[in-house]
C-alpha atoms as a PDB file:
ATOM      1  CA  MET A   1      36.457 169.143 -11.853  1.00  0.00           C
ATOM      2  CA  THR A   2      37.689 167.412  -8.942  1.00  0.00           C
ATOM      3  CA  GLU A   3      37.852 163.757  -8.177  1.00  0.00           C
ATOM      4  CA  PHE A   4      37.615 162.440  -5.068  1.00  0.00           C
ATOM      5  CA  GLY A   5      39.429 159.464  -3.391  1.00  0.00           C
ATOM      6  CA  TYR A   6      39.819 157.269  -0.832  1.00  0.00           C
ATOM      7  CA  PHE A   7      43.755 156.869   1.000  1.00  0.00           C
ATOM      8  CA  LEU A   8      44.732 153.461   2.144  1.00  0.00           C
ATOM      9  CA  SER A   9      46.808 153.057   5.016  1.00  0.00           C
ATOM     10  CA  CYS A  10      49.594 150.324   5.051  1.00  0.00           C
ATOM     11  CA  GLU A  11      50.408 151.708   8.387  1.00  0.00           C
ATOM     12  CA  GLU A  12      47.530 151.019  10.029  1.00  0.00           C
ATOM     13  CA  PHE A  13      46.331 148.207   8.018  1.00  0.00           C
ATOM     14  CA  GLY A  14      46.573 144.523   6.604  1.00  0.00           C
ATOM     15  CA  PRO A  15      46.595 143.470   3.415  1.00  0.00           C
ATOM     16  CA  VAL A  16      42.835 141.890   3.342  1.00  0.00           C
ATOM     17  CA  GLU A  17      41.542 144.959   5.416  1.00  0.00           C
ATOM     18  CA  LEU A  18      43.077 147.221   3.087  1.00  0.00           C
ATOM     19  CA  VAL A  19      41.320 145.110   0.295  1.00  0.00           C
ATOM     20  CA  GLU A  20      38.167 145.464   1.922  1.00  0.00           C
ATOM     21  CA  GLN A  21      38.291 148.845   2.414  1.00  0.00           C
ATOM     22  CA  ALA A  22      38.681 149.645  -1.470  1.00  0.00           C
ATOM     23  CA  ARG A  23      35.935 147.884  -2.241  1.00  0.00           C
ATOM     24  CA  MET A  24      33.783 149.388   0.346  1.00  0.00           C
ATOM     25  CA  ALA A  25      35.553 152.579  -1.281  1.00  0.00           C
ATOM     26  CA  GLU A  26      34.126 152.107  -4.666  1.00  0.00           C
ATOM     27  CA  GLN A  27      30.940 151.239  -3.221  1.00  0.00           C
ATOM     28  CA  ALA A  28      30.629 154.525  -1.803  1.00  0.00           C
ATOM     29  CA  GLY A  29      31.517 156.466  -4.695  1.00  0.00           C
ATOM     30  CA  PHE A  30      34.819 157.710  -4.429  1.00  0.00           C
ATOM     31  CA  GLN A  31      36.492 157.431  -7.607  1.00  0.00           C
ATOM     32  CA  ALA A  32      40.162 156.348  -7.227  1.00  0.00           C
ATOM     33  CA  LEU A  33      42.066 155.127  -4.465  1.00  0.00           C
ATOM     34  CA  TRP A  34      45.667 156.155  -2.938  1.00  0.00           C
ATOM     35  CA  ILE A  35      47.796 153.361  -0.831  1.00  0.00           C
ATOM     36  CA  SER A  36      50.841 154.619   0.667  1.00  0.00           C
ATOM     37  CA  ASP A  37      53.952 152.622   0.531  1.00  0.00           C
ATOM     38  CA  HIS A  38      55.961 151.870   3.942  1.00  0.00           C
ATOM     39  CA  PHE A  39      58.752 149.455   5.827  1.00  0.00           C
ATOM     40  CA  HIS A  40      57.746 150.396   9.740  1.00  0.00           C
ATOM     41  CA  PRO A  41      54.484 152.563  10.758  1.00  0.00           C
ATOM     42  CA  TRP A  42      55.235 155.741  12.286  1.00  0.00           C
ATOM     43  CA  ASN A  43      54.146 154.003  15.657  1.00  0.00           C
ATOM     44  CA  GLY A  44      53.668 151.046  17.201  1.00  0.00           C
ATOM     45  CA  GLU A  45      49.742 151.611  18.008  1.00  0.00           C
ATOM     46  CA  GLN A  46      49.555 152.254  13.900  1.00  0.00           C
ATOM     47  CA  GLY A  47      50.637 148.413  14.005  1.00  0.00           C
ATOM     48  CA  GLN A  48      51.291 147.216  10.334  1.00  0.00           C
ATOM     49  CA  SER A  49      53.300 147.560   7.072  1.00  0.00           C
ATOM     50  CA  PRO A  50      52.906 144.700   4.419  1.00  0.00           C
ATOM     51  CA  PHE A  51      54.316 145.076   1.263  1.00  0.00           C
ATOM     52  CA  VAL A  52      52.314 147.426  -1.163  1.00  0.00           C
ATOM     53  CA  TRP A  53      53.020 145.831  -4.234  1.00  0.00           C
ATOM     54  CA  SER A  54      51.421 142.413  -3.489  1.00  0.00           C
ATOM     55  CA  VAL A  55      48.468 144.651  -1.801  1.00  0.00           C
ATOM     56  CA  ILE A  56      48.029 146.357  -5.466  1.00  0.00           C
ATOM     57  CA  GLY A  57      48.076 143.025  -6.738  1.00  0.00           C
ATOM     58  CA  ALA A  58      44.890 141.939  -5.177  1.00  0.00           C
ATOM     59  CA  LEU A  59      43.453 145.660  -5.673  1.00  0.00           C
ATOM     60  CA  SER A  60      43.767 144.341  -8.985  1.00  0.00           C
ATOM     61  CA  GLN A  61      41.411 142.067  -8.719  1.00  0.00           C
ATOM     62  CA  ALA A  62      39.041 142.984  -6.030  1.00  0.00           C
ATOM     63  CA  VAL A  63      38.086 146.756  -7.599  1.00  0.00           C
ATOM     64  CA  SER A  64      37.862 148.678 -10.718  1.00  0.00           C
ATOM     65  CA  LEU A  65      38.829 151.874  -9.412  1.00  0.00           C
ATOM     66  CA  PRO A  66      42.545 153.673 -10.283  1.00  0.00           C
ATOM     67  CA  VAL A  67      45.505 152.872  -7.725  1.00  0.00           C
ATOM     68  CA  GLN A  68      48.553 155.503  -6.894  1.00  0.00           C
ATOM     69  CA  THR A  69      51.151 154.809  -4.595  1.00  0.00           C
ATOM     70  CA  ALA A  70      51.514 157.676  -2.374  1.00  0.00           C
ATOM     71  CA  VAL A  71      54.173 157.363  -2.195  1.00  0.00           C
ATOM     72  CA  THR A  72      57.103 155.341  -3.062  1.00  0.00           C
ATOM     73  CA  CYS A  73      60.645 155.942  -2.488  1.00  0.00           C
ATOM     74  CA  PRO A  74      62.888 154.255  -5.118  1.00  0.00           C
ATOM     75  CA  THR A  75      66.381 155.207  -3.956  1.00  0.00           C
ATOM     76  CA  VAL A  76      67.611 153.476  -1.189  1.00  0.00           C
ATOM     77  CA  ARG A  77      65.585 150.542   0.356  1.00  0.00           C
ATOM     78  CA  MET A  78      64.689 149.692  -3.230  1.00  0.00           C
ATOM     79  CA  HIS A  79      66.514 149.842  -6.273  1.00  0.00           C
ATOM     80  CA  PRO A  80      65.161 152.006  -8.852  1.00  0.00           C
ATOM     81  CA  ALA A  81      64.853 148.955 -11.470  1.00  0.00           C
ATOM     82  CA  ILE A  82      62.793 146.620  -9.223  1.00  0.00           C
ATOM     83  CA  VAL A  83      60.652 150.128  -8.249  1.00  0.00           C
ATOM     84  CA  ALA A  84      59.898 150.169 -12.161  1.00  0.00           C
ATOM     85  CA  GLN A  85      59.061 146.316 -12.579  1.00  0.00           C
ATOM     86  CA  ALA A  86      56.886 146.023  -9.647  1.00  0.00           C
ATOM     87  CA  ALA A  87      55.215 149.591 -10.958  1.00  0.00           C
ATOM     88  CA  ALA A  88      55.101 147.855 -14.399  1.00  0.00           C
ATOM     89  CA  THR A  89      53.766 144.810 -13.555  1.00  0.00           C
ATOM     90  CA  ALA A  90      51.035 146.759 -11.312  1.00  0.00           C
ATOM     91  CA  ALA A  91      49.760 148.844 -14.456  1.00  0.00           C
ATOM     92  CA  VAL A  92      49.626 145.653 -16.689  1.00  0.00           C
ATOM     93  CA  GLN A  93      47.512 144.024 -14.204  1.00  0.00           C
ATOM     94  CA  LEU A  94      45.475 147.291 -13.141  1.00  0.00           C
ATOM     95  CA  GLY A  95      44.993 147.545 -17.116  1.00  0.00           C
ATOM     96  CA  ASP A  96      42.765 150.717 -18.880  1.00  0.00           C
ATOM     97  CA  GLY A  97      46.081 152.958 -17.431  1.00  0.00           C
ATOM     98  CA  ARG A  98      44.610 152.687 -13.763  1.00  0.00           C
ATOM     99  CA  PHE A  99      47.833 152.756 -12.089  1.00  0.00           C
ATOM    100  CA  ARG A 100      49.661 155.839 -11.473  1.00  0.00           C
ATOM    101  CA  LEU A 101      53.468 155.671  -9.943  1.00  0.00           C
ATOM    102  CA  GLY A 102      53.667 158.303  -6.978  1.00  0.00           C
ATOM    103  CA  VAL A 103      57.407 159.204  -5.864  1.00  0.00           C
ATOM    104  CA  GLY A 104      58.991 160.652  -3.021  1.00  0.00           C
ATOM    105  CA  SER A 105      62.285 161.122  -1.574  1.00  0.00           C
ATOM    106  CA  GLY A 106      61.155 159.283   1.269  1.00  0.00           C
ATOM    107  CA  GLU A 107      61.778 159.232   5.614  1.00  0.00           C
ATOM    108  CA  ALA A 108      64.761 157.385   7.265  1.00  0.00           C
ATOM    109  CA  LEU A 109      61.698 155.465   9.196  1.00  0.00           C
ATOM    110  CA  ASN A 110      61.548 153.263   5.711  1.00  0.00           C
ATOM    111  CA  GLU A 111      64.759 153.938   4.182  1.00  0.00           C
ATOM    112  CA  HIS A 112      67.190 153.432   6.886  1.00  0.00           C
ATOM    113  CA  ILE A 113      67.072 149.769   7.131  1.00  0.00           C
ATOM    114  CA  MET A 114      69.449 148.996   4.617  1.00  0.00           C
ATOM    115  CA  GLY A 115      71.981 150.159   7.268  1.00  0.00           C
ATOM    116  CA  GLY A 116      73.328 152.721   4.733  1.00  0.00           C
ATOM    117  CA  PRO A 117      73.660 156.773   5.897  1.00  0.00           C
ATOM    118  CA  TRP A 118      70.530 158.731   5.621  1.00  0.00           C
ATOM    119  CA  PRO A 119      71.404 161.146   2.413  1.00  0.00           C
ATOM    120  CA  SER A 120      70.859 164.802   3.137  1.00  0.00           C
ATOM    121  CA  ALA A 121      67.938 166.215   1.429  1.00  0.00           C
ATOM    122  CA  ARG A 122      69.850 167.966  -0.906  1.00  0.00           C
ATOM    123  CA  THR A 123      71.365 164.119  -2.186  1.00  0.00           C
ATOM    124  CA  ARG A 124      67.718 163.126  -1.677  1.00  0.00           C
ATOM    125  CA  LEU A 125      66.506 165.028  -4.210  1.00  0.00           C
ATOM    126  CA  ASP A 126      68.865 164.458  -7.137  1.00  0.00           C
ATOM    127  CA  MET A 127      68.972 160.555  -6.152  1.00  0.00           C
ATOM    128  CA  LEU A 128      65.148 160.502  -6.994  1.00  0.00           C
ATOM    129  CA  GLU A 129      65.841 162.654 -10.028  1.00  0.00           C
ATOM    130  CA  GLU A 130      67.958 160.118 -11.638  1.00  0.00           C
ATOM    131  CA  ALA A 131      65.541 157.244 -10.046  1.00  0.00           C
ATOM    132  CA  VAL A 132      62.737 158.741 -12.014  1.00  0.00           C
ATOM    133  CA  GLN A 133      64.740 158.718 -15.378  1.00  0.00           C
ATOM    134  CA  LEU A 134      65.918 155.729 -15.044  1.00  0.00           C
ATOM    135  CA  ILE A 135      62.380 153.746 -14.330  1.00  0.00           C
ATOM    136  CA  ARG A 136      60.950 156.156 -17.243  1.00  0.00           C
ATOM    137  CA  ASN A 137      63.927 154.165 -19.236  1.00  0.00           C
ATOM    138  CA  LEU A 138      63.433 150.898 -18.687  1.00  0.00           C
ATOM    139  CA  PHE A 139      59.503 151.094 -19.112  1.00  0.00           C
ATOM    140  CA  ASP A 140      60.138 151.463 -22.655  1.00  0.00           C
ATOM    141  CA  GLY A 141      60.874 147.799 -22.673  1.00  0.00           C
ATOM    142  CA  ASN A 142      64.316 148.461 -23.855  1.00  0.00           C
ATOM    143  CA  GLU A 143      67.685 146.822 -22.573  1.00  0.00           C
ATOM    144  CA  VAL A 144      68.964 149.836 -20.782  1.00  0.00           C
ATOM    145  CA  SER A 145      72.567 150.017 -19.023  1.00  0.00           C
ATOM    146  CA  HIS A 146      73.408 153.137 -17.072  1.00  0.00           C
ATOM    147  CA  GLU A 147      76.630 154.889 -15.477  1.00  0.00           C
ATOM    148  CA  GLY A 148      75.101 157.237 -12.723  1.00  0.00           C
ATOM    149  CA  ARG A 149      75.701 159.137 -10.164  1.00  0.00           C
ATOM    150  CA  HIS A 150      73.933 156.922  -8.063  1.00  0.00           C
ATOM    151  CA  TYR A 151      72.768 154.045  -9.481  1.00  0.00           C
ATOM    152  CA  ARG A 152      73.868 151.185 -12.301  1.00  0.00           C
ATOM    153  CA  LEU A 153      72.447 148.941 -14.279  1.00  0.00           C
ATOM    154  CA  GLU A 154      73.684 146.487 -16.700  1.00  0.00           C
ATOM    155  CA  ASN A 155      71.381 145.189 -19.417  1.00  0.00           C
ATOM    156  CA  ALA A 156      68.139 145.443 -17.667  1.00  0.00           C
ATOM    157  CA  ARG A 157      64.988 144.802 -19.502  1.00  0.00           C
ATOM    158  CA  LEU A 158      61.658 144.952 -18.448  1.00  0.00           C
ATOM    159  CA  TYR A 159      59.771 142.381 -20.500  1.00  0.00           C
ATOM    160  CA  THR A 160      55.904 142.439 -18.798  1.00  0.00           C
ATOM    161  CA  VAL A 161      54.874 146.205 -19.572  1.00  0.00           C
ATOM    162  CA  PRO A 162      51.780 148.083 -19.926  1.00  0.00           C
ATOM    163  CA  ASP A 163      51.439 149.320 -23.501  1.00  0.00           C
ATOM    164  CA  GLU A 164      51.753 152.993 -22.580  1.00  0.00           C
ATOM    165  CA  PRO A 165      54.321 154.020 -19.582  1.00  0.00           C
ATOM    166  CA  VAL A 166      53.309 154.494 -16.229  1.00  0.00           C
ATOM    167  CA  PRO A 167      52.889 158.135 -15.202  1.00  0.00           C
ATOM    168  CA  ILE A 168      55.603 159.218 -12.388  1.00  0.00           C
ATOM    169  CA  ASP A 169      53.730 161.636 -10.164  1.00  0.00           C
ATOM    170  CA  VAL A 170      56.449 163.431  -7.617  1.00  0.00           C
ATOM    171  CA  SER A 171      55.937 164.112  -4.253  1.00  0.00           C
ATOM    172  CA  ALA A 172      57.050 168.032  -2.602  1.00  0.00           C
ATOM    173  CA  PHE A 173      57.182 169.604   0.513  1.00  0.00           C
ATOM    174  CA  GLY A 174      59.680 172.193  -0.231  1.00  0.00           C
ATOM    175  CA  PRO A 175      60.693 174.515  -2.952  1.00  0.00           C
ATOM    176  CA  LYS A 176      63.558 172.713  -4.252  1.00  0.00           C
ATOM    177  CA  ALA A 177      61.097 169.494  -4.737  1.00  0.00           C
ATOM    178  CA  LEU A 178      58.192 171.370  -5.496  1.00  0.00           C
ATOM    179  CA  ARG A 179      61.004 173.091  -8.762  1.00  0.00           C
ATOM    180  CA  LEU A 180      62.015 168.945  -9.323  1.00  0.00           C
ATOM    181  CA  ALA A 181      58.260 167.793  -9.519  1.00  0.00           C
ATOM    182  CA  SER A 182      57.858 171.001 -11.837  1.00  0.00           C
ATOM    183  CA  ARG A 183      60.733 169.451 -14.310  1.00  0.00           C
ATOM    184  CA  VAL A 184      60.552 166.067 -13.599  1.00  0.00           C
ATOM    185  CA  GLY A 185      56.987 164.936 -12.752  1.00  0.00           C
ATOM    186  CA  ASP A 186      53.727 163.717 -14.553  1.00  0.00           C
ATOM    187  CA  GLY A 187      51.777 165.589 -11.999  1.00  0.00           C
ATOM    188  CA  LEU A 188      52.242 166.757  -8.432  1.00  0.00           C
ATOM    189  CA  ILE A 189      51.595 165.449  -5.171  1.00  0.00           C
ATOM    190  CA  THR A 190      51.499 167.610  -2.087  1.00  0.00           C
ATOM    191  CA  MET A 191      49.638 167.419   1.525  1.00  0.00           C
ATOM    192  CA  ARG A 192      48.671 170.855   2.467  1.00  0.00           C
ATOM    193  CA  PRO A 193      45.855 172.514   0.322  1.00  0.00           C
ATOM    194  CA  ASP A 194      48.495 175.320  -0.688  1.00  0.00           C
ATOM    195  CA  ALA A 195      47.403 177.474  -3.568  1.00  0.00           C
ATOM    196  CA  GLY A 196      50.414 178.942  -3.917  1.00  0.00           C
ATOM    197  CA  ALA A 197      52.227 175.876  -4.564  1.00  0.00           C
ATOM    198  CA  VAL A 198      50.198 174.916  -7.056  1.00  0.00           C
ATOM    199  CA  THR A 199      50.048 177.821  -9.260  1.00  0.00           C
ATOM    200  CA  ARG A 200      54.530 177.301  -8.835  1.00  0.00           C
ATOM    201  CA  PHE A 201      54.352 174.050  -9.909  1.00  0.00           C
ATOM    202  CA  ARG A 202      51.947 174.484 -12.956  1.00  0.00           C
ATOM    203  CA  GLU A 203      54.144 177.872 -13.421  1.00  0.00           C
ATOM    204  CA  GLY A 204      57.935 176.119 -13.479  1.00  0.00           C
ATOM    205  CA  GLY A 205      56.719 173.708 -15.823  1.00  0.00           C
ATOM    206  CA  GLY A 206      53.825 171.585 -14.833  1.00  0.00           C
ATOM    207  CA  GLY A 207      51.184 173.225 -16.505  1.00  0.00           C
ATOM    208  CA  ALA A 208      48.353 171.505 -16.406  1.00  0.00           C
ATOM    209  CA  LYS A 209      49.738 168.446 -15.557  1.00  0.00           C
ATOM    210  CA  PRO A 210      47.323 166.799 -12.342  1.00  0.00           C
ATOM    211  CA  VAL A 211      47.899 167.660  -8.823  1.00  0.00           C
ATOM    212  CA  SER A 212      47.081 165.613  -6.030  1.00  0.00           C
ATOM    213  CA  GLY A 213      46.745 165.853  -1.971  1.00  0.00           C
ATOM    214  CA  GLY A 214      45.499 164.056   0.526  1.00  0.00           C
ATOM    215  CA  TYR A 215      44.895 163.937   4.501  1.00  0.00           C
ATOM    216  CA  ARG A 216      43.493 162.131   7.574  1.00  0.00           C
ATOM    217  CA  VAL A 217      39.928 162.160   9.385  1.00  0.00           C
ATOM    218  CA  CYS A 218      38.276 160.574  12.277  1.00  0.00           C
ATOM    219  CA  TYR A 219      34.411 160.253  11.621  1.00  0.00           C
ATOM    220  CA  GLY A 220      32.423 159.315  14.843  1.00  0.00           C
ATOM    221  CA  THR A 221      29.189 159.996  16.130  1.00  0.00           C
ATOM    222  CA  ASP A 222      31.336 161.195  19.573  1.00  0.00           C
ATOM    223  CA  ARG A 223      33.570 163.765  18.368  1.00  0.00           C
ATOM    224  CA  ALA A 224      35.486 163.604  21.965  1.00  0.00           C
ATOM    225  CA  ALA A 225      36.131 159.747  21.074  1.00  0.00           C
ATOM    226  CA  ALA A 226      37.524 160.782  17.359  1.00  0.00           C
ATOM    227  CA  VAL A 227      39.609 163.064  18.697  1.00  0.00           C
ATOM    228  CA  ASP A 228      41.041 160.505  21.169  1.00  0.00           C
ATOM    229  CA  THR A 229      41.550 158.017  18.417  1.00  0.00           C
ATOM    230  CA  ALA A 230      42.691 160.662  15.785  1.00  0.00           C
ATOM    231  CA  HIS A 231      45.188 161.630  18.615  1.00  0.00           C
ATOM    232  CA  ARG A 232      46.343 157.461  19.409  1.00  0.00           C
ATOM    233  CA  LEU A 233      47.225 156.311  16.046  1.00  0.00           C
ATOM    234  CA  TRP A 234      48.348 159.897  14.190  1.00  0.00           C
ATOM    235  CA  PRO A 235      49.899 162.265  15.742  1.00  0.00           C
ATOM    236  CA  THR A 236      52.629 162.239  14.254  1.00  0.00           C
ATOM    237  CA  GLU A 237      50.361 164.381  11.608  1.00  0.00           C
ATOM    238  CA  GLN A 238      51.258 167.377  13.456  1.00  0.00           C
ATOM    239  CA  LEU A 239      55.180 167.069  13.546  1.00  0.00           C
ATOM    240  CA  PRO A 240      56.351 169.918  12.217  1.00  0.00           C
ATOM    241  CA  GLY A 241      59.631 170.327  10.293  1.00  0.00           C
ATOM    242  CA  GLU A 242      61.483 167.569   8.442  1.00  0.00           C
ATOM    243  CA  MET A 243      61.269 165.035  11.682  1.00  0.00           C
ATOM    244  CA  GLY A 244      58.983 162.603   9.453  1.00  0.00           C
ATOM    245  CA  GLN A 245      62.096 162.662   7.092  1.00  0.00           C
ATOM    246  CA  VAL A 246      65.001 162.386   9.767  1.00  0.00           C
ATOM    247  CA  LEU A 247      63.612 159.956  12.776  1.00  0.00           C
ATOM    248  CA  SER A 248      64.773 156.399  12.317  1.00  0.00           C
ATOM    249  CA  THR A 249      62.318 154.306  14.402  1.00  0.00           C
ATOM    250  CA  PRO A 250      58.739 154.369  15.195  1.00  0.00           C
ATOM    251  CA  ARG A 251      59.855 154.371  19.016  1.00  0.00           C
ATOM    252  CA  HIS A 252      61.391 157.895  17.827  1.00  0.00           C
ATOM    253  CA  PHE A 253      57.982 158.814  16.829  1.00  0.00           C
ATOM    254  CA  GLU A 254      56.439 157.831  19.785  1.00  0.00           C
ATOM    255  CA  GLN A 255      58.577 160.079  21.924  1.00  0.00           C
ATOM    256  CA  VAL A 256      58.601 163.351  20.254  1.00  0.00           C
ATOM    257  CA  SER A 257      54.876 162.706  19.600  1.00  0.00           C
ATOM    258  CA  GLN A 258      54.162 163.412  23.448  1.00  0.00           C
ATOM    259  CA  LEU A 259      54.359 166.958  22.721  1.00  0.00           C
ATOM    260  CA  VAL A 260      50.996 166.791  20.784  1.00  0.00           C
ATOM    261  CA  THR A 261      48.339 167.495  22.470  1.00  0.00           C
ATOM    262  CA  LYS A 262      44.819 166.463  21.781  1.00  0.00           C
ATOM    263  CA  ASP A 263      43.646 170.236  21.433  1.00  0.00           C
ATOM    264  CA  MET A 264      46.449 169.885  19.121  1.00  0.00           C
ATOM    265  CA  VAL A 265      44.543 167.029  17.238  1.00  0.00           C
ATOM    266  CA  ALA A 266      41.378 168.798  17.169  1.00  0.00           C
ATOM    267  CA  SER A 267      42.347 171.970  15.713  1.00  0.00           C
ATOM    268  CA  LYS A 268      43.925 170.215  12.730  1.00  0.00           C
ATOM    269  CA  VAL A 269      41.849 166.732  12.043  1.00  0.00           C
ATOM    270  CA  VAL A 270      37.851 166.859  11.128  1.00  0.00           C
ATOM    271  CA  CYS A 271      36.863 164.406  13.907  1.00  0.00           C
ATOM    272  CA  GLY A 272      32.739 163.813  14.305  1.00  0.00           C
ATOM    273  CA  ASP A 273      29.688 163.495  12.068  1.00  0.00           C
ATOM    274  CA  ASP A 274      29.340 167.151  10.973  1.00  0.00           C
ATOM    275  CA  ALA A 275      28.924 166.423   7.237  1.00  0.00           C
ATOM    276  CA  ASP A 276      29.556 170.065   6.531  1.00  0.00           C
ATOM    277  CA  ALA A 277      32.794 170.473   8.022  1.00  0.00           C
ATOM    278  CA  HIS A 278      33.744 167.014   6.281  1.00  0.00           C
ATOM    279  CA  ALA A 279      33.185 168.572   2.538  1.00  0.00           C
ATOM    280  CA  GLU A 280      33.978 171.964   3.979  1.00  0.00           C
ATOM    281  CA  ARG A 281      37.795 170.220   3.961  1.00  0.00           C
ATOM    282  CA  LEU A 282      37.335 168.537   0.375  1.00  0.00           C
ATOM    283  CA  ARG A 283      36.221 172.166  -0.600  1.00  0.00           C
ATOM    284  CA  THR A 284      39.426 173.367   0.356  1.00  0.00           C
ATOM    285  CA  TYR A 285      41.957 171.244  -1.657  1.00  0.00           C
ATOM    286  CA  ALA A 286      39.498 171.760  -4.831  1.00  0.00           C
ATOM    287  CA  GLY A 287      39.431 175.420  -4.288  1.00  0.00           C
ATOM    288  CA  ALA A 288      42.990 175.243  -4.056  1.00  0.00           C
ATOM    289  CA  GLY A 289      43.260 174.035  -7.462  1.00  0.00           C
ATOM    290  CA  PHE A 290      43.682 170.453  -7.275  1.00  0.00           C
ATOM    291  CA  ASP A 291      42.721 167.923  -9.275  1.00  0.00           C
ATOM    292  CA  ARG A 292      42.344 164.886  -6.958  1.00  0.00           C
ATOM    293  CA  VAL A 293      41.502 165.059  -3.291  1.00  0.00           C
ATOM    294  CA  TYR A 294      41.941 161.696  -1.721  1.00  0.00           C
ATOM    295  CA  VAL A 295      40.568 161.224   2.021  1.00  0.00           C
ATOM    296  CA  ASN A 296      41.925 158.554   4.122  1.00  0.00           C
ATOM    297  CA  GLN A 297      39.916 157.755   7.688  1.00  0.00           C
ATOM    298  CA  ILE A 298      41.256 157.309  10.971  1.00  0.00           C
ATOM    299  CA  GLY A 299      40.398 154.020  13.423  1.00  0.00           C
ATOM    300  CA  PRO A 300      38.014 150.778  13.447  1.00  0.00           C
ATOM    301  CA  ASP A 301      35.171 152.090  12.209  1.00  0.00           C
ATOM    302  CA  GLN A 302      35.708 152.257   8.177  1.00  0.00           C
ATOM    303  CA  ARG A 303      32.220 150.973   7.721  1.00  0.00           C
ATOM    304  CA  GLY A 304      30.259 153.842   9.258  1.00  0.00           C
ATOM    305  CA  PHE A 305      33.003 156.184   7.430  1.00  0.00           C
ATOM    306  CA  PHE A 306      31.840 154.967   4.093  1.00  0.00           C
ATOM    307  CA  ASP A 307      28.477 155.277   5.077  1.00  0.00           C
ATOM    308  CA  PHE A 308      29.017 158.615   6.234  1.00  0.00           C
ATOM    309  CA  TYR A 309      30.633 159.877   3.144  1.00  0.00           C
ATOM    310  CA  ARG A 310      28.047 157.797   0.488  1.00  0.00           C
ATOM    311  CA  THR A 311      25.290 159.645   2.418  1.00  0.00           C
ATOM    312  CA  LYS A 312      26.234 162.640   3.459  1.00  0.00           C
ATOM    313  CA  VAL A 313      29.698 164.237   2.367  1.00  0.00           C
ATOM    314  CA  LEU A 314      29.876 163.105  -1.266  1.00  0.00           C
ATOM    315  CA  PRO A 315      26.404 164.172  -2.647  1.00  0.00           C
ATOM    316  CA  GLN A 316      27.557 167.626  -1.237  1.00  0.00           C
ATOM    317  CA  VAL A 317      30.826 167.899  -3.469  1.00  0.00           C
ATOM    318  CA  GLN A 318      30.111 165.845  -6.441  1.00  0.00           C
ATOM    319  CA  GLU A 319      28.907 167.231  -9.665  1.00  0.00           C
ATOM    320  CA  PRO A 320      26.001 165.245 -10.826  1.00  0.00           C
END
């Protein structure tokens, strides 16, 4: 049975707003939370970037839903040992196995700030694999020393750890990343409802491990206004290829986003208040074999969105 969750956007909202959205999500009947992990927003219109680990601490006291980062890059901006400590603490705060760590190879937008070169995709995946193993070793609560290709540790030990190691799901968009996720992940995160990718993950070693995905919508009673809002805030969702991984500043994303038209957004993003269209997008992911689907509302009408999904959309897709 597919679970339906809400995707909290750290690029678009501050920490207090995110916690309130989480409360509304739980009241509306969503079953889990995703939360993005960014240093920069994608553009100035979004305008936020709170530290995700602080927000997760607040979420642990505000709601009873499971939480997952979607996704953390544990390779450049933060050393994998620090990510392991943050994730272990989050898991203890949330309790009852309610935290999963989602990881990916990252974007220059967030990682280049440390001043070093942005590695090639192949190197980033190699770094990610080593980081995942380091994090898992630290979750055991034992002292770890490590001399690897990309990372070193000396006498590192986490003293605050959950009873069970935190599951680590790996984000994948291309075939190489998908093979890595199949090999080392406790689950797969991918944003497109690609049944073929789900099959390749499962047949490549993922087996019955959970597959999660997410996307954005813009609810509103005026569809044209909702399209305008989605185009203003999230044109970056429609950029092709590797732009999302290699552009380094919000200003660069604003420049290339001039190529994204409102018609492009309208054709790709569910906008407006057609409950059947919103429900059908959720079913598309469920039909592609996803175990968990997370939806994010673009723009300020968060309360309207949650009321709409509580009364009109979730009842169509959730089994009684």
